[in-house]
Amino acid sequence: MWQAELRRVPLLSAREAEVFQLLGEGYSNRSIARRLDIAERTVKFHVAQVLSKLDVESRLQAGLVAFSGRRLYQSAVPRRKKAG
């Protein structure tokens, strides 16, 4: 699920990618603004760009794409065995 949207992630600028990742972690616009030290209206602009570039309808969908991408990446990386 979300493969088409994940293929569009490279279209995001560096800042849009940061906002995208924070959406995937469930941050609000206000929290993203504080974390990135930018204005909340700038965050809103970046969120709109993310939605447009990924061709999704809502921040929830964008967040799900980010979460899915993170889960996909984590499952592709072999886990280290614990020493012991």
N, C-alpha and C. Protein backbone atom coordinates (compact mmCIF):
# COMPACT_ATOMS: atom_id res chain seq x y z
N MET A 1 0.84 -1.18 0.00
CA MET A 1 0.00 0.00 0.00
C MET A 1 0.89 1.24 0.00
N TRP A 2 0.49 2.29 -0.64
CA TRP A 2 1.17 3.57 -0.72
C TRP A 2 2.42 3.55 -1.60
N GLN A 3 2.59 2.52 -2.44
CA GLN A 3 3.79 2.45 -3.29
C GLN A 3 3.90 3.63 -4.24
N ALA A 4 2.81 4.00 -4.90
CA ALA A 4 2.85 5.12 -5.85
C ALA A 4 3.26 6.41 -5.14
N GLU A 5 2.72 6.64 -3.96
CA GLU A 5 3.03 7.84 -3.21
C GLU A 5 4.49 7.82 -2.73
N LEU A 6 4.96 6.66 -2.31
CA LEU A 6 6.35 6.54 -1.86
C LEU A 6 7.33 6.81 -3.00
N ARG A 7 6.95 6.46 -4.23
CA ARG A 7 7.81 6.73 -5.38
C ARG A 7 7.93 8.24 -5.65
N ARG A 8 6.97 9.02 -5.15
CA ARG A 8 6.99 10.47 -5.37
C ARG A 8 7.78 11.22 -4.29
N VAL A 9 8.17 10.55 -3.22
CA VAL A 9 8.87 11.21 -2.12
C VAL A 9 10.13 11.95 -2.59
N PRO A 10 10.90 11.41 -3.53
CA PRO A 10 12.09 12.15 -3.99
C PRO A 10 11.77 13.52 -4.62
N LEU A 11 10.51 13.76 -4.95
CA LEU A 11 10.12 15.06 -5.50
C LEU A 11 10.12 16.16 -4.44
N LEU A 12 10.14 15.78 -3.17
CA LEU A 12 10.06 16.75 -2.07
C LEU A 12 11.40 17.46 -1.90
N SER A 13 11.31 18.75 -1.59
CA SER A 13 12.53 19.49 -1.24
C SER A 13 13.02 18.98 0.12
N ALA A 14 14.20 19.39 0.51
CA ALA A 14 14.75 18.96 1.80
C ALA A 14 13.83 19.36 2.95
N ARG A 15 13.35 20.59 2.94
CA ARG A 15 12.47 21.06 4.02
C ARG A 15 11.14 20.35 3.99
N GLU A 16 10.58 20.14 2.79
CA GLU A 16 9.32 19.40 2.68
C GLU A 16 9.50 17.98 3.21
N ALA A 17 10.65 17.39 2.95
CA ALA A 17 10.92 16.03 3.44
C ALA A 17 10.96 16.01 4.97
N GLU A 18 11.52 17.05 5.57
CA GLU A 18 11.54 17.13 7.03
C GLU A 18 10.11 17.22 7.58
N VAL A 19 9.31 18.07 6.97
CA VAL A 19 7.91 18.22 7.38
C VAL A 19 7.17 16.90 7.19
N PHE A 20 7.40 16.25 6.06
CA PHE A 20 6.79 14.96 5.75
C PHE A 20 7.10 13.93 6.83
N GLN A 21 8.36 13.84 7.24
CA GLN A 21 8.74 12.88 8.27
C GLN A 21 8.07 13.20 9.60
N LEU A 22 7.98 14.47 9.93
CA LEU A 22 7.33 14.86 11.18
C LEU A 22 5.83 14.59 11.14
N LEU A 23 5.22 14.73 9.96
CA LEU A 23 3.81 14.34 9.82
C LEU A 23 3.65 12.86 10.12
N GLY A 24 4.60 12.07 9.65
CA GLY A 24 4.56 10.63 9.89
C GLY A 24 4.73 10.26 11.35
N GLU A 25 5.32 11.17 12.12
CA GLU A 25 5.47 10.95 13.55
C GLU A 25 4.31 11.54 14.34
N GLY A 26 3.35 12.14 13.62
CA GLY A 26 2.14 12.64 14.27
C GLY A 26 2.21 14.06 14.81
N TYR A 27 3.23 14.82 14.42
CA TYR A 27 3.36 16.19 14.91
C TYR A 27 2.30 17.11 14.30
N SER A 28 1.83 18.06 15.08
CA SER A 28 0.91 19.09 14.60
C SER A 28 1.71 20.16 13.88
N ASN A 29 1.01 21.04 13.15
CA ASN A 29 1.69 22.15 12.48
C ASN A 29 2.46 23.01 13.48
N ARG A 30 1.84 23.28 14.61
CA ARG A 30 2.48 24.12 15.63
C ARG A 30 3.75 23.45 16.15
N SER A 31 3.67 22.14 16.40
CA SER A 31 4.84 21.41 16.90
C SER A 31 5.95 21.35 15.85
N ILE A 32 5.56 21.17 14.59
CA ILE A 32 6.55 21.16 13.51
C ILE A 32 7.24 22.52 13.43
N ALA A 33 6.45 23.58 13.53
CA ALA A 33 7.00 24.94 13.47
C ALA A 33 8.02 25.16 14.58
N ARG A 34 7.68 24.74 15.77
CA ARG A 34 8.61 24.90 16.89
C ARG A 34 9.87 24.07 16.68
N ARG A 35 9.67 22.85 16.26
CA ARG A 35 10.82 21.93 16.09
C ARG A 35 11.78 22.41 15.00
N LEU A 36 11.23 22.96 13.91
CA LEU A 36 12.06 23.41 12.79
C LEU A 36 12.40 24.90 12.88
N ASP A 37 11.87 25.56 13.90
CA ASP A 37 12.11 26.99 14.12
C ASP A 37 11.69 27.82 12.90
N ILE A 38 10.45 27.56 12.45
CA ILE A 38 9.87 28.31 11.34
C ILE A 38 8.45 28.72 11.73
N ALA A 39 7.86 29.62 10.97
CA ALA A 39 6.50 30.08 11.24
C ALA A 39 5.49 28.97 10.93
N GLU A 40 4.40 28.98 11.68
CA GLU A 40 3.36 27.98 11.46
C GLU A 40 2.76 28.09 10.06
N ARG A 41 2.64 29.31 9.54
CA ARG A 41 2.10 29.45 8.18
C ARG A 41 3.06 28.88 7.14
N THR A 42 4.36 28.90 7.44
CA THR A 42 5.35 28.27 6.55
C THR A 42 5.16 26.76 6.57
N VAL A 43 4.89 26.22 7.73
CA VAL A 43 4.61 24.78 7.84
C VAL A 43 3.39 24.44 7.00
N LYS A 44 2.34 25.25 7.11
CA LYS A 44 1.13 25.00 6.32
C LYS A 44 1.43 24.99 4.83
N PHE A 45 2.30 25.90 4.39
CA PHE A 45 2.70 25.93 2.99
C PHE A 45 3.42 24.64 2.61
N HIS A 46 4.36 24.21 3.46
CA HIS A 46 5.10 22.98 3.18
C HIS A 46 4.18 21.76 3.17
N VAL A 47 3.23 21.72 4.10
CA VAL A 47 2.27 20.60 4.13
C VAL A 47 1.48 20.58 2.84
N ALA A 48 1.02 21.74 2.37
CA ALA A 48 0.27 21.80 1.12
C ALA A 48 1.12 21.29 -0.04
N GLN A 49 2.40 21.66 -0.06
CA GLN A 49 3.30 21.18 -1.11
C GLN A 49 3.48 19.67 -1.04
N VAL A 50 3.62 19.14 0.16
CA VAL A 50 3.76 17.69 0.34
C VAL A 50 2.52 16.98 -0.19
N LEU A 51 1.35 17.46 0.18
CA LEU A 51 0.10 16.84 -0.27
C LEU A 51 0.01 16.86 -1.79
N SER A 52 0.36 17.98 -2.38
CA SER A 52 0.30 18.11 -3.83
C SER A 52 1.31 17.18 -4.52
N LYS A 53 2.55 17.20 -4.06
CA LYS A 53 3.58 16.39 -4.71
C LYS A 53 3.36 14.90 -4.55
N LEU A 54 2.82 14.49 -3.41
CA LEU A 54 2.55 13.07 -3.19
C LEU A 54 1.20 12.64 -3.76
N ASP A 55 0.40 13.63 -4.15
CA ASP A 55 -0.94 13.39 -4.69
C ASP A 55 -1.83 12.65 -3.68
N VAL A 56 -1.83 13.20 -2.45
CA VAL A 56 -2.72 12.68 -1.40
C VAL A 56 -3.67 13.79 -1.00
N GLU A 57 -4.76 13.42 -0.35
CA GLU A 57 -5.82 14.38 -0.05
C GLU A 57 -5.73 15.03 1.32
N SER A 58 -4.98 14.42 2.24
CA SER A 58 -4.97 14.95 3.60
C SER A 58 -3.62 14.73 4.27
N ARG A 59 -3.40 15.48 5.34
CA ARG A 59 -2.19 15.30 6.13
C ARG A 59 -2.15 13.92 6.76
N LEU A 60 -3.33 13.36 7.06
CA LEU A 60 -3.37 12.00 7.59
C LEU A 60 -2.81 11.02 6.57
N GLN A 61 -3.23 11.15 5.32
CA GLN A 61 -2.70 10.28 4.28
C GLN A 61 -1.20 10.48 4.11
N ALA A 62 -0.73 11.71 4.13
CA ALA A 62 0.70 11.98 4.01
C ALA A 62 1.45 11.34 5.18
N GLY A 63 0.88 11.45 6.37
CA GLY A 63 1.49 10.83 7.54
C GLY A 63 1.55 9.32 7.42
N LEU A 64 0.51 8.73 6.87
CA LEU A 64 0.49 7.28 6.67
C LEU A 64 1.53 6.85 5.64
N VAL A 65 1.73 7.66 4.61
CA VAL A 65 2.76 7.36 3.62
C VAL A 65 4.13 7.39 4.30
N ALA A 66 4.38 8.42 5.11
CA ALA A 66 5.66 8.54 5.81
C ALA A 66 5.86 7.36 6.75
N PHE A 67 4.83 7.01 7.49
CA PHE A 67 4.90 5.88 8.42
C PHE A 67 5.17 4.59 7.67
N SER A 68 4.47 4.38 6.56
CA SER A 68 4.65 3.17 5.76
C SER A 68 6.07 3.08 5.21
N GLY A 69 6.59 4.21 4.75
CA GLY A 69 7.96 4.24 4.24
C GLY A 69 8.96 3.89 5.32
N ARG A 70 8.75 4.41 6.51
CA ARG A 70 9.64 4.11 7.63
C ARG A 70 9.57 2.63 7.98
N ARG A 71 8.38 2.08 8.02
CA ARG A 71 8.20 0.65 8.34
C ARG A 71 8.84 -0.22 7.26
N LEU A 72 8.67 0.17 6.00
CA LEU A 72 9.25 -0.58 4.89
C LEU A 72 10.77 -0.58 5.00
N TYR A 73 11.33 0.59 5.28
CA TYR A 73 12.79 0.70 5.41
C TYR A 73 13.28 -0.13 6.59
N GLN A 74 12.60 -0.05 7.71
CA GLN A 74 13.02 -0.79 8.90
C GLN A 74 12.99 -2.29 8.68
N SER A 75 12.00 -2.78 7.93
CA SER A 75 11.90 -4.21 7.69
C SER A 75 12.94 -4.68 6.67
N ALA A 76 13.47 -3.75 5.87
CA ALA A 76 14.48 -4.11 4.86
C ALA A 76 15.89 -4.14 5.44
N VAL A 77 16.08 -3.52 6.61
CA VAL A 77 17.39 -3.47 7.23
C VAL A 77 17.52 -4.65 8.18
N PRO A 78 18.53 -5.50 7.98
CA PRO A 78 18.69 -6.66 8.87
C PRO A 78 18.96 -6.21 10.31
N ARG A 79 18.34 -6.88 11.23
CA ARG A 79 18.54 -6.56 12.65
C ARG A 79 19.82 -7.23 13.15
N ARG A 80 20.51 -6.52 14.01
CA ARG A 80 21.71 -7.07 14.62
C ARG A 80 21.33 -8.02 15.74
N LYS A 81 22.08 -9.07 15.85
CA LYS A 81 21.86 -9.98 16.97
C LYS A 81 22.47 -9.38 18.21
N LYS A 82 21.78 -9.55 19.32
CA LYS A 82 22.28 -9.04 20.59
C LYS A 82 23.41 -9.92 21.09
N ALA A 83 24.42 -9.28 21.61
CA ALA A 83 25.54 -10.03 22.19
C ALA A 83 25.07 -10.68 23.48
N GLY A 84 25.56 -11.84 23.71
CA GLY A 84 25.15 -12.40 24.99
C GLY A 84 25.19 -13.82 24.98
